[in-house]
Amino acid sequence: MINRVFRALRGALAIVALGGFLASLSHPAAARVWVGFGFPVYVGPPAYYPPPVYYPPPAYYPPPAYYPPPAYAYAPPPQYSAPGQSCVVAGTVCAMEHPVTPGSSCYCTTAQGRAWGRAT
């Protein structure tokens, strides 16, 4: 009879011990969210980065010792005008014998005779 009691007690003790062991393994669930693609993202340790690249300063050229003067702008030669007053007749110019007011009528003597024009 004692064997039967110990055997029953041993079975009950084994079940209680197994339940206690399983209860000690379980922890309250922590809310965790994991979103991933199935492979871990590896972030390595901090690394030494080389210093930035420094470019040399631009070359400095001192100003020239002499600045040549600027070139003269091209200007057409002045229009030819006879000294004193002249008479313009059909594109030809002749000298006048006596002065008159500019813009008044005048004449030039040609091989064909007199040609009338305007005084300048």
C-alpha atoms as a PDB file:
ATOM      1  CA  MET A   1       0.000   0.000   0.000  1.00  0.00           C
ATOM      2  CA  ILE A   2       2.782   2.450   0.716  1.00  0.00           C
ATOM      3  CA  ASN A   3       4.224   1.674  -2.695  1.00  0.00           C
ATOM      4  CA  ARG A   4       0.955   2.621  -4.325  1.00  0.00           C
ATOM      5  CA  VAL A   5       0.812   5.957  -2.414  1.00  0.00           C
ATOM      6  CA  PHE A   6       4.398   6.820  -3.284  1.00  0.00           C
ATOM      7  CA  ARG A   7       3.825   5.916  -6.914  1.00  0.00           C
ATOM      8  CA  ALA A   8       0.755   8.187  -7.109  1.00  0.00           C
ATOM      9  CA  LEU A   9       2.560  10.928  -5.223  1.00  0.00           C
ATOM     10  CA  ARG A  10       5.579  10.612  -7.505  1.00  0.00           C
ATOM     11  CA  GLY A  11       3.371  10.939 -10.631  1.00  0.00           C
ATOM     12  CA  ALA A  12       1.549  13.965  -9.193  1.00  0.00           C
ATOM     13  CA  LEU A  13       4.862  15.556  -8.152  1.00  0.00           C
ATOM     14  CA  ALA A  14       6.264  15.005 -11.651  1.00  0.00           C
ATOM     15  CA  ILE A  15       3.209  16.682 -13.218  1.00  0.00           C
ATOM     16  CA  VAL A  16       3.446  19.655 -10.813  1.00  0.00           C
ATOM     17  CA  ALA A  17       7.212  19.987 -11.451  1.00  0.00           C
ATOM     18  CA  LEU A  18       6.691  19.885 -15.232  1.00  0.00           C
ATOM     19  CA  GLY A  19       3.922  22.510 -14.984  1.00  0.00           C
ATOM     20  CA  GLY A  20       6.133  24.738 -12.801  1.00  0.00           C
ATOM     21  CA  PHE A  21       8.999  24.422 -15.281  1.00  0.00           C
ATOM     22  CA  LEU A  22       6.756  25.310 -18.202  1.00  0.00           C
ATOM     23  CA  ALA A  23       5.265  28.261 -16.272  1.00  0.00           C
ATOM     24  CA  SER A  24       8.752  29.583 -15.529  1.00  0.00           C
ATOM     25  CA  LEU A  25       9.613  29.530 -19.227  1.00  0.00           C
ATOM     26  CA  SER A  26       6.672  31.647 -20.303  1.00  0.00           C
ATOM     27  CA  HIS A  27       6.911  35.436 -19.963  1.00  0.00           C
ATOM     28  CA  PRO A  28       4.249  38.044 -20.536  1.00  0.00           C
ATOM     29  CA  ALA A  29       4.031  38.894 -24.235  1.00  0.00           C
ATOM     30  CA  ALA A  30       5.682  42.160 -25.247  1.00  0.00           C
ATOM     31  CA  ALA A  31       4.056  43.994 -28.138  1.00  0.00           C
ATOM     32  CA  ARG A  32       6.594  43.914 -30.913  1.00  0.00           C
ATOM     33  CA  VAL A  33       6.201  44.838 -34.551  1.00  0.00           C
ATOM     34  CA  TRP A  34       8.691  43.702 -37.130  1.00  0.00           C
ATOM     35  CA  VAL A  35       8.532  44.763 -40.752  1.00  0.00           C
ATOM     36  CA  GLY A  36      11.175  43.386 -42.997  1.00  0.00           C
ATOM     37  CA  PHE A  37      11.954  41.576 -46.199  1.00  0.00           C
ATOM     38  CA  GLY A  38      13.483  38.473 -44.697  1.00  0.00           C
ATOM     39  CA  PHE A  39      17.108  39.601 -44.613  1.00  0.00           C
ATOM     40  CA  PRO A  40      18.785  41.635 -41.908  1.00  0.00           C
ATOM     41  CA  VAL A  41      20.100  45.122 -42.502  1.00  0.00           C
ATOM     42  CA  TYR A  42      23.673  45.236 -41.320  1.00  0.00           C
ATOM     43  CA  VAL A  43      24.969  48.535 -40.024  1.00  0.00           C
ATOM     44  CA  GLY A  44      28.674  48.287 -39.441  1.00  0.00           C
ATOM     45  CA  PRO A  45      30.611  49.976 -36.690  1.00  0.00           C
ATOM     46  CA  PRO A  46      31.557  53.612 -37.119  1.00  0.00           C
ATOM     47  CA  ALA A  47      34.389  53.874 -39.597  1.00  0.00           C
ATOM     48  CA  TYR A  48      37.128  56.417 -40.141  1.00  0.00           C
ATOM     49  CA  TYR A  49      36.255  58.770 -42.943  1.00  0.00           C
ATOM     50  CA  PRO A  50      39.097  60.456 -44.793  1.00  0.00           C
ATOM     51  CA  PRO A  51      39.313  64.245 -44.600  1.00  0.00           C
ATOM     52  CA  PRO A  52      37.624  66.193 -47.410  1.00  0.00           C
ATOM     53  CA  VAL A  53      39.563  66.905 -50.556  1.00  0.00           C
ATOM     54  CA  TYR A  54      41.062  70.376 -50.571  1.00  0.00           C
ATOM     55  CA  TYR A  55      41.715  71.898 -53.942  1.00  0.00           C
ATOM     56  CA  PRO A  56      44.574  74.348 -54.371  1.00  0.00           C
ATOM     57  CA  PRO A  57      43.667  78.026 -54.521  1.00  0.00           C
ATOM     58  CA  PRO A  58      43.266  79.515 -57.990  1.00  0.00           C
ATOM     59  CA  ALA A  59      46.392  80.839 -59.612  1.00  0.00           C
ATOM     60  CA  TYR A  60      46.970  84.539 -59.025  1.00  0.00           C
ATOM     61  CA  TYR A  61      48.358  86.544 -61.863  1.00  0.00           C
ATOM     62  CA  PRO A  62      49.472  90.065 -60.952  1.00  0.00           C
ATOM     63  CA  PRO A  63      48.138  92.874 -63.121  1.00  0.00           C
ATOM     64  CA  PRO A  64      50.309  93.891 -66.059  1.00  0.00           C
ATOM     65  CA  ALA A  65      52.755  96.723 -65.532  1.00  0.00           C
ATOM     66  CA  TYR A  66      51.466  98.585 -68.590  1.00  0.00           C
ATOM     67  CA  TYR A  67      47.946  98.882 -69.939  1.00  0.00           C
ATOM     68  CA  PRO A  68      47.934  99.747 -73.631  1.00  0.00           C
ATOM     69  CA  PRO A  69      45.457 102.475 -74.532  1.00  0.00           C
ATOM     70  CA  PRO A  70      42.242 101.303 -76.138  1.00  0.00           C
ATOM     71  CA  ALA A  71      42.126 101.165 -79.912  1.00  0.00           C
ATOM     72  CA  TYR A  72      40.473 104.033 -81.674  1.00  0.00           C
ATOM     73  CA  ALA A  73      37.039 103.409 -83.046  1.00  0.00           C
ATOM     74  CA  TYR A  74      36.848 103.498 -86.813  1.00  0.00           C
ATOM     75  CA  ALA A  75      35.171 106.606 -88.100  1.00  0.00           C
ATOM     76  CA  PRO A  76      34.639 107.323 -91.771  1.00  0.00           C
ATOM     77  CA  PRO A  77      36.537 110.320 -93.083  1.00  0.00           C
ATOM     78  CA  PRO A  78      34.666 113.603 -93.026  1.00  0.00           C
ATOM     79  CA  GLN A  79      32.616 114.503 -96.073  1.00  0.00           C
ATOM     80  CA  TYR A  80      34.529 116.651 -98.562  1.00  0.00           C
ATOM     81  CA  SER A  81      33.260 120.171 -98.829  1.00  0.00           C
ATOM     82  CA  ALA A  82      34.714 122.905-100.924  1.00  0.00           C
ATOM     83  CA  PRO A  83      36.090 125.879 -99.025  1.00  0.00           C
ATOM     84  CA  GLY A  84      33.511 128.619 -98.736  1.00  0.00           C
ATOM     85  CA  GLN A  85      30.061 128.259-100.239  1.00  0.00           C
ATOM     86  CA  SER A  86      29.221 125.712-102.936  1.00  0.00           C
ATOM     87  CA  CYS A  87      26.329 124.899-105.256  1.00  0.00           C
ATOM     88  CA  VAL A  88      24.991 121.317-105.504  1.00  0.00           C
ATOM     89  CA  VAL A  89      23.503 120.475-108.909  1.00  0.00           C
ATOM     90  CA  ALA A  90      22.280 116.912-109.632  1.00  0.00           C
ATOM     91  CA  GLY A  91      24.999 115.263-107.537  1.00  0.00           C
ATOM     92  CA  THR A  92      27.847 117.527-108.679  1.00  0.00           C
ATOM     93  CA  VAL A  93      29.341 120.328-106.629  1.00  0.00           C
ATOM     94  CA  CYS A  94      30.809 123.568-107.944  1.00  0.00           C
ATOM     95  CA  ALA A  95      32.212 126.668-106.279  1.00  0.00           C
ATOM     96  CA  MET A  96      30.110 129.829-106.240  1.00  0.00           C
ATOM     97  CA  GLU A  97      31.231 133.160-107.528  1.00  0.00           C
ATOM     98  CA  HIS A  98      29.287 135.299-105.056  1.00  0.00           C
ATOM     99  CA  PRO A  99      27.855 134.292-101.629  1.00  0.00           C
ATOM    100  CA  VAL A 100      24.113 133.717-101.173  1.00  0.00           C
ATOM    101  CA  THR A 101      22.019 132.402 -98.247  1.00  0.00           C
ATOM    102  CA  PRO A 102      22.196 128.607 -97.798  1.00  0.00           C
ATOM    103  CA  GLY A 103      19.222 126.825 -99.407  1.00  0.00           C
ATOM    104  CA  SER A 104      18.607 129.488-102.065  1.00  0.00           C
ATOM    105  CA  SER A 105      18.934 128.757-105.768  1.00  0.00           C
ATOM    106  CA  CYS A 106      22.285 128.914-107.535  1.00  0.00           C
ATOM    107  CA  TYR A 107      23.792 127.752-110.792  1.00  0.00           C
ATOM    108  CA  CYS A 108      26.863 125.980-112.082  1.00  0.00           C
ATOM    109  CA  THR A 109      28.299 126.579-115.543  1.00  0.00           C
ATOM    110  CA  THR A 110      28.793 123.343-117.464  1.00  0.00           C
ATOM    111  CA  ALA A 111      29.684 122.465-121.063  1.00  0.00           C
ATOM    112  CA  GLN A 112      25.948 122.258-121.831  1.00  0.00           C
ATOM    113  CA  GLY A 113      25.231 125.655-120.219  1.00  0.00           C
ATOM    114  CA  ARG A 114      23.929 126.680-116.813  1.00  0.00           C
ATOM    115  CA  ALA A 115      22.559 124.058-114.399  1.00  0.00           C
ATOM    116  CA  TRP A 116      20.449 125.233-111.476  1.00  0.00           C
ATOM    117  CA  GLY A 117      20.764 123.817-107.944  1.00  0.00           C
ATOM    118  CA  ARG A 118      20.773 124.702-104.232  1.00  0.00           C
ATOM    119  CA  ALA A 119      23.436 126.573-102.284  1.00  0.00           C
ATOM    120  CA  THR A 120      25.014 124.961 -99.218  1.00  0.00           C
END
